[in-house]
Amino acid sequence: MDIQQLYNLVAEEREAVDAIIRQRLHSDVMLINQVSEYIINSGGKRLRPILVLLSAGAFGYQGRHHHELAAVVEFIHTATLLHDDVVDDSEMRRGKETANNVWGNAASVLVGDFLYSRAFQMMVGVQNMQVMEIISEATNIIAEGEVMQLLNVHNADLDEAGYLEVIRYKTAKLFESAAQLGAVITNRTPEEEMAMARYGMHLGTAFQLVDDVLDYSASSNELGKNIGDDLAEGKPTLPLIYAINHGSPEQAAMVRNAVEQGGIDRIEEIRQAIESVGAIAYTARSAREEADRAIAALSVIEDSPYKEALITLANYSVDRSF
């Protein structure tokens, strides 16, 4: 199965989710409609809501709650993007101006708050206490991950274990919850539920590590944001951490200084350095290992087109070019 076949498998359900998203985005406040629709409709991959659909499908779910929960997950993700772009002072996302660049930071933060609260309204409507526990915990852990990342800005001493902890909080946790929800709403065994959670956690980690690779190997047009944005903000990602630890003294000093000072004045030299020391290849291998762990977690799940699609999604997460 390829990625297009995966999309075809859940095409009708994605339309149902999109209809719910459009319906629940509505507000009597015009600015909320404008900002939330702008970012929701800006061409994201929608992998997290798709993950809810695939997980529910893998367990033969027949109800409608997975559509609502897929929309909830997308709203939470979108809220984090709005807040992230304000914190990072980003100007471009998904090939378009960021919402904060168009409407300002205040509007982006407040509309992000609206999306969070709307997600929790919808979550309560599912009337499943475990669902509420999973999503509320995920939202809290994501916020902790954001603060952890903030504390590590310009920290050139962050090691690989510390970095992986940050991305498992900030990025992988929502993937984990999205995958777990399908097992929860179908009342599957604790073993199957935890298998899906592990799948999502490893998938989300792989996805972020590939983003780290693409930040130095893709073009701005492919990536949908400015190359070197993380470095410009002083964020130590895995390629940079590896280069500091494995490069020559001159290379390590250059990368360390770039992280500590921020900015992309020497971006081409840094790209050459992390490439020459094998940092890009190492990060790509780490992502592949995470994807393989995700696939291995599915061993307890019965074979089906949905399980095949979950495997495809794991492979896509490391094979993509944007």
Protein backbone atom coordinates (compact mmCIF):
# COMPACT_ATOMS: atom_id res chain seq x y z
CA MET A 1 0.00 0.00 0.00
CA ASP A 2 1.30 3.48 -0.86
CA ILE A 3 0.35 6.79 0.74
CA GLN A 4 -2.30 7.57 -1.89
CA GLN A 5 -3.97 4.21 -1.27
CA LEU A 6 -3.93 5.03 2.43
CA TYR A 7 -5.73 8.31 1.74
CA ASN A 8 -8.22 6.49 -0.46
CA LEU A 9 -8.95 4.00 2.32
CA VAL A 10 -10.19 6.76 4.63
CA ALA A 11 -11.43 9.22 2.00
CA GLU A 12 -15.09 9.18 3.03
CA GLU A 13 -14.23 9.36 6.71
CA ARG A 14 -11.86 12.26 6.10
CA GLU A 15 -14.72 14.10 4.43
CA ALA A 16 -16.86 13.45 7.51
CA VAL A 17 -14.10 14.79 9.75
CA ASP A 18 -13.65 17.86 7.55
CA ALA A 19 -17.39 18.54 7.78
CA ILE A 20 -17.21 18.39 11.58
CA ILE A 21 -14.16 20.66 11.59
CA ARG A 22 -15.94 23.27 9.47
CA GLN A 23 -19.06 23.05 11.62
CA ARG A 24 -17.28 23.27 14.95
CA LEU A 25 -14.95 26.05 13.84
CA HIS A 26 -17.89 28.40 13.55
CA SER A 27 -18.06 31.27 15.98
CA ASP A 28 -20.15 34.44 16.16
CA VAL A 29 -16.84 36.29 16.41
CA MET A 30 -15.67 36.93 12.86
CA LEU A 31 -11.94 37.11 13.68
CA ILE A 32 -12.07 33.62 15.20
CA ASN A 33 -13.60 32.29 11.98
CA GLN A 34 -10.97 34.02 9.84
CA VAL A 35 -7.89 32.92 11.78
CA SER A 36 -8.97 29.36 12.56
CA GLU A 37 -10.14 28.66 9.01
CA TYR A 38 -6.92 30.16 7.64
CA ILE A 39 -4.68 27.73 9.48
CA ILE A 40 -6.99 24.69 9.41
CA ASN A 41 -7.30 25.01 5.62
CA SER A 42 -3.63 25.77 4.95
CA GLY A 43 -2.72 22.38 3.51
CA GLY A 44 -1.46 20.34 6.45
CA LYS A 45 -1.04 16.58 6.13
CA ARG A 46 -3.74 15.84 8.75
CA LEU A 47 -1.72 12.81 9.89
CA ARG A 48 -2.96 12.96 13.47
CA PRO A 49 -6.68 12.80 12.66
CA ILE A 50 -5.95 10.16 10.02
CA LEU A 51 -4.24 8.18 12.77
CA VAL A 52 -7.45 8.21 14.82
CA LEU A 53 -9.40 6.92 11.80
CA LEU A 54 -6.90 4.17 11.01
CA SER A 55 -6.68 3.04 14.63
CA ALA A 56 -10.47 2.83 14.95
CA GLY A 57 -10.67 1.03 11.61
CA ALA A 58 -8.05 -1.50 12.66
CA PHE A 59 -10.34 -2.55 15.50
CA GLY A 60 -13.54 -2.56 13.44
CA TYR A 61 -15.16 0.48 15.05
CA GLN A 62 -18.67 1.08 13.73
CA GLY A 63 -19.76 4.28 15.48
CA ARG A 64 -19.22 7.99 14.83
CA HIS A 65 -17.15 9.08 17.80
CA HIS A 66 -13.89 8.55 15.92
CA HIS A 67 -14.87 11.40 13.56
CA GLU A 68 -15.38 13.75 16.49
CA LEU A 69 -12.12 12.64 18.11
CA ALA A 70 -10.19 13.06 14.87
CA ALA A 71 -11.44 16.65 14.74
CA VAL A 72 -10.53 17.15 18.42
CA VAL A 73 -6.97 15.99 17.73
CA GLU A 74 -6.69 18.34 14.75
CA PHE A 75 -7.97 21.29 16.80
CA ILE A 76 -5.43 20.61 19.56
CA HIS A 77 -2.64 20.32 16.99
CA THR A 78 -3.73 23.55 15.29
CA ALA A 79 -3.84 25.39 18.61
CA THR A 80 -0.26 24.31 19.33
CA LEU A 81 0.81 25.59 15.89
CA LEU A 82 -0.76 28.99 16.53
CA HIS A 83 0.98 29.28 19.88
CA ASP A 84 4.29 27.86 18.55
CA ASP A 85 4.45 30.44 15.79
CA VAL A 86 3.98 33.24 18.30
CA VAL A 87 6.67 31.87 20.64
CA ASP A 88 9.06 31.30 17.73
CA ASP A 89 8.15 34.55 15.95
CA SER A 90 7.72 32.48 12.78
CA GLU A 91 6.79 34.10 9.50
CA MET A 92 6.06 31.09 7.28
CA ARG A 93 4.35 27.72 7.74
CA ARG A 94 3.13 25.25 5.11
CA GLY A 95 4.26 27.65 2.40
CA LYS A 96 2.06 30.51 3.64
CA GLU A 97 2.40 33.41 6.01
CA THR A 98 1.79 32.39 9.60
CA ALA A 99 -1.42 33.58 11.23
CA ASN A 100 0.52 35.76 13.66
CA ASN A 101 2.24 37.44 10.72
CA VAL A 102 -1.16 38.24 9.20
CA TRP A 103 -3.29 39.08 12.24
CA GLY A 104 -0.73 39.62 15.00
CA ASN A 105 0.37 37.68 18.06
CA ALA A 106 -2.59 38.55 20.26
CA ALA A 107 -5.15 37.21 17.78
CA SER A 108 -3.15 34.00 17.23
CA VAL A 109 -2.84 33.26 20.95
CA LEU A 110 -6.52 33.92 21.64
CA VAL A 111 -7.76 31.90 18.67
CA GLY A 112 -5.46 29.10 19.79
CA ASP A 113 -7.19 29.27 23.17
CA PHE A 114 -10.57 29.08 21.39
CA LEU A 115 -9.50 25.93 19.54
CA TYR A 116 -8.31 24.30 22.77
CA SER A 117 -11.57 25.04 24.54
CA ARG A 118 -13.65 23.95 21.56
CA ALA A 119 -11.71 20.67 21.46
CA PHE A 120 -12.56 20.05 25.10
CA GLN A 121 -16.24 20.81 24.48
CA MET A 122 -16.27 18.19 21.74
CA MET A 123 -14.30 15.70 23.81
CA VAL A 124 -16.85 15.88 26.64
CA GLY A 125 -19.59 15.10 24.11
CA VAL A 126 -18.08 11.65 23.51
CA GLN A 127 -18.97 10.84 27.14
CA ASN A 128 -16.03 8.51 27.75
CA MET A 129 -13.96 9.21 30.86
CA GLN A 130 -10.87 7.41 29.53
CA VAL A 131 -10.98 9.47 26.35
CA MET A 132 -11.07 12.64 28.44
CA GLU A 133 -8.17 11.40 30.59
CA ILE A 134 -6.04 10.60 27.53
CA ILE A 135 -6.64 13.90 25.74
CA SER A 136 -6.38 16.10 28.82
CA GLU A 137 -3.13 14.41 29.84
CA ALA A 138 -1.76 14.78 26.31
CA THR A 139 -2.60 18.48 26.23
CA ASN A 140 -0.83 19.02 29.54
CA ILE A 141 2.26 17.03 28.49
CA ILE A 142 2.46 18.93 25.19
CA ALA A 143 2.47 22.19 27.15
CA GLU A 144 5.26 20.84 29.36
CA GLY A 145 7.19 19.91 26.22
CA GLU A 146 6.81 23.44 24.90
CA VAL A 147 8.26 24.82 28.14
CA MET A 148 11.08 22.25 28.08
CA GLN A 149 11.94 23.34 24.55
CA LEU A 150 11.87 26.99 25.60
CA LEU A 151 14.26 26.27 28.47
CA ASN A 152 16.66 24.56 26.05
CA VAL A 153 16.82 27.39 23.53
CA HIS A 154 20.51 28.34 23.07
CA ASN A 155 21.53 25.32 25.18
CA ALA A 156 24.40 23.77 23.24
CA ASP A 157 24.97 21.26 26.06
CA LEU A 158 21.66 19.44 25.55
CA ASP A 159 22.38 15.77 24.89
CA GLU A 160 20.52 13.32 22.66
CA ALA A 161 18.53 11.76 25.51
CA GLY A 162 17.38 15.17 26.68
CA TYR A 163 16.38 16.15 23.17
CA LEU A 164 14.40 12.95 22.62
CA GLU A 165 12.55 13.62 25.86
CA VAL A 166 11.54 17.06 24.59
CA ILE A 167 10.17 15.78 21.29
CA ARG A 168 8.35 12.88 22.92
CA TYR A 169 6.55 15.41 25.09
CA LYS A 170 6.07 18.15 22.51
CA THR A 171 5.40 16.19 19.30
CA ALA A 172 5.04 12.46 19.86
CA LYS A 173 2.48 12.65 22.68
CA LEU A 174 -0.36 13.73 20.39
CA PHE A 175 0.50 10.97 17.91
CA GLU A 176 0.47 8.51 20.83
CA SER A 177 -2.93 9.69 22.03
CA ALA A 178 -4.44 9.69 18.54
CA ALA A 179 -3.39 6.08 17.99
CA GLN A 180 -4.55 4.99 21.43
CA LEU A 181 -8.03 6.48 21.06
CA GLY A 182 -9.07 3.98 18.40
CA ALA A 183 -8.41 1.11 20.79
CA VAL A 184 -10.15 2.87 23.68
CA ILE A 185 -13.44 3.57 21.91
CA THR A 186 -13.62 -0.05 20.73
CA ASN A 187 -12.98 -1.39 24.25
CA ARG A 188 -9.91 -3.38 23.25
CA THR A 189 -7.59 -5.15 25.66
CA PRO A 190 -4.99 -3.19 27.66
CA GLU A 191 -2.30 -4.95 25.61
CA GLU A 192 -3.78 -3.71 22.32
CA GLU A 193 -4.34 -0.24 23.74
CA MET A 194 -0.74 0.05 24.89
CA ALA A 195 0.50 -1.37 21.57
CA MET A 196 -1.28 1.45 19.74
CA ALA A 197 0.10 4.01 22.17
CA ARG A 198 3.65 2.73 21.58
CA TYR A 199 3.05 2.79 17.84
CA GLY A 200 1.96 6.43 18.00
CA MET A 201 4.83 7.47 20.26
CA HIS A 202 7.48 5.95 17.99
CA LEU A 203 5.72 7.28 14.88
CA GLY A 204 5.64 10.81 16.27
CA THR A 205 9.30 10.63 17.26
CA ALA A 206 10.26 9.43 13.78
CA PHE A 207 8.20 12.22 12.24
CA GLN A 208 10.00 14.91 14.24
CA LEU A 209 13.45 13.48 13.54
CA VAL A 210 12.71 13.58 9.82
CA ASP A 211 11.64 17.21 10.23
CA ASP A 212 15.09 17.79 11.76
CA VAL A 213 16.71 16.21 8.70
CA LEU A 214 14.60 18.20 6.27
CA ASP A 215 15.48 21.45 8.03
CA TYR A 216 18.95 21.07 6.51
CA SER A 217 18.33 19.02 3.37
CA ALA A 218 15.07 20.24 1.79
CA SER A 219 14.32 23.48 0.00
CA SER A 220 12.09 26.17 1.50
CA ASN A 221 9.45 25.46 -1.15
CA GLU A 222 9.43 21.74 -0.36
CA LEU A 223 9.43 22.24 3.39
CA GLY A 224 6.88 25.03 3.53
CA LYS A 225 8.96 27.08 5.95
CA ASN A 226 12.32 28.81 5.96
CA ILE A 227 15.34 26.50 6.00
CA GLY A 228 17.33 26.77 9.23
CA ASP A 229 14.43 28.19 11.24
CA ASP A 230 15.28 26.03 14.26
CA LEU A 231 18.90 27.12 14.17
CA ALA A 232 17.88 30.76 13.78
CA GLU A 233 15.89 30.40 17.01
CA GLY A 234 18.77 28.69 18.80
CA LYS A 235 17.02 25.31 19.07
CA PRO A 236 19.45 22.39 19.43
CA THR A 237 18.04 19.62 17.22
CA LEU A 238 19.58 16.18 16.78
CA PRO A 239 21.77 16.98 13.72
CA LEU A 240 23.28 19.90 15.62
CA ILE A 241 23.74 17.88 18.82
CA TYR A 242 25.47 15.12 16.85
CA ALA A 243 27.75 17.59 15.05
CA ILE A 244 28.80 19.20 18.34
CA ASN A 245 29.68 15.79 19.77
CA HIS A 246 31.30 14.22 16.69
CA GLY A 247 32.69 17.05 14.58
CA SER A 248 36.21 18.40 14.57
CA PRO A 249 37.00 20.98 17.26
CA GLU A 250 36.49 23.72 14.68
CA GLN A 251 33.18 22.29 13.46
CA ALA A 252 31.92 21.68 16.99
CA ALA A 253 32.83 25.22 18.02
CA MET A 254 31.06 26.71 14.99
CA VAL A 255 27.85 24.76 15.58
CA ARG A 256 27.96 25.39 19.33
CA ASN A 257 28.31 29.12 18.73
CA ALA A 258 25.43 29.10 16.26
CA VAL A 259 23.14 27.40 18.79
CA GLU A 260 24.20 29.71 21.61
CA GLN A 261 23.88 32.89 19.56
CA GLY A 262 21.06 31.99 17.17
CA GLY A 263 20.92 33.25 13.62
CA ILE A 264 21.77 31.69 10.27
CA ASP A 265 24.67 33.84 9.12
CA ARG A 266 26.80 30.72 8.55
CA ILE A 267 23.99 28.36 7.57
CA GLU A 268 25.79 26.98 4.51
CA GLU A 269 28.94 26.22 6.47
CA ILE A 270 26.88 24.57 9.18
CA ARG A 271 24.96 22.51 6.62
CA GLN A 272 28.25 21.32 5.17
CA ALA A 273 29.61 20.52 8.63
CA ILE A 274 26.63 18.46 9.79
CA GLU A 275 26.62 16.65 6.45
CA SER A 276 30.33 15.86 6.54
CA VAL A 277 30.30 14.48 10.09
CA GLY A 278 27.36 12.21 9.28
CA ALA A 279 24.81 14.05 11.43
CA ILE A 280 22.10 13.98 8.76
CA ALA A 281 22.63 10.28 8.09
CA TYR A 282 22.64 9.52 11.83
CA THR A 283 19.39 11.41 12.40
CA ALA A 284 17.78 9.68 9.41
CA ARG A 285 18.85 6.28 10.78
CA SER A 286 17.44 7.17 14.17
CA ALA A 287 14.14 8.08 12.52
CA ARG A 288 14.11 4.78 10.63
CA GLU A 289 14.70 2.89 13.88
CA GLU A 290 11.79 4.70 15.50
CA ALA A 291 9.54 3.87 12.53
CA ASP A 292 10.59 0.22 12.77
CA ARG A 293 9.71 0.20 16.47
CA ALA A 294 6.31 1.64 15.58
CA ILE A 295 5.70 -1.14 13.06
CA ALA A 296 6.87 -3.78 15.54
CA ALA A 297 4.32 -2.52 18.08
CA LEU A 298 1.55 -3.53 15.66
CA SER A 299 2.41 -7.23 15.97
CA VAL A 300 -0.47 -7.79 18.42
CA ILE A 301 -3.00 -6.24 16.01
CA GLU A 302 -4.93 -8.45 13.58
CA ASP A 303 -4.05 -8.11 9.90
CA SER A 304 -6.36 -5.82 7.91
CA PRO A 305 -6.14 -3.05 5.32
CA TYR A 306 -6.08 -0.60 8.24
CA LYS A 307 -3.09 -2.29 9.84
CA GLU A 308 -1.37 -2.23 6.45
CA ALA A 309 -2.14 1.49 6.25
CA LEU A 310 -0.61 2.05 9.69
CA ILE A 311 2.57 0.36 8.46
CA THR A 312 2.49 2.55 5.35
CA LEU A 313 2.13 5.63 7.53
CA ALA A 314 5.20 4.66 9.55
CA ASN A 315 7.24 4.19 6.37
CA TYR A 316 5.91 7.44 4.91
CA SER A 317 6.97 9.33 8.02
CA VAL A 318 10.64 8.62 7.22
CA ASP A 319 10.50 8.50 3.40
CA ARG A 320 8.79 11.87 2.84
CA SER A 321 10.54 14.89 1.37
CA PHE A 322 8.42 17.59 3.03
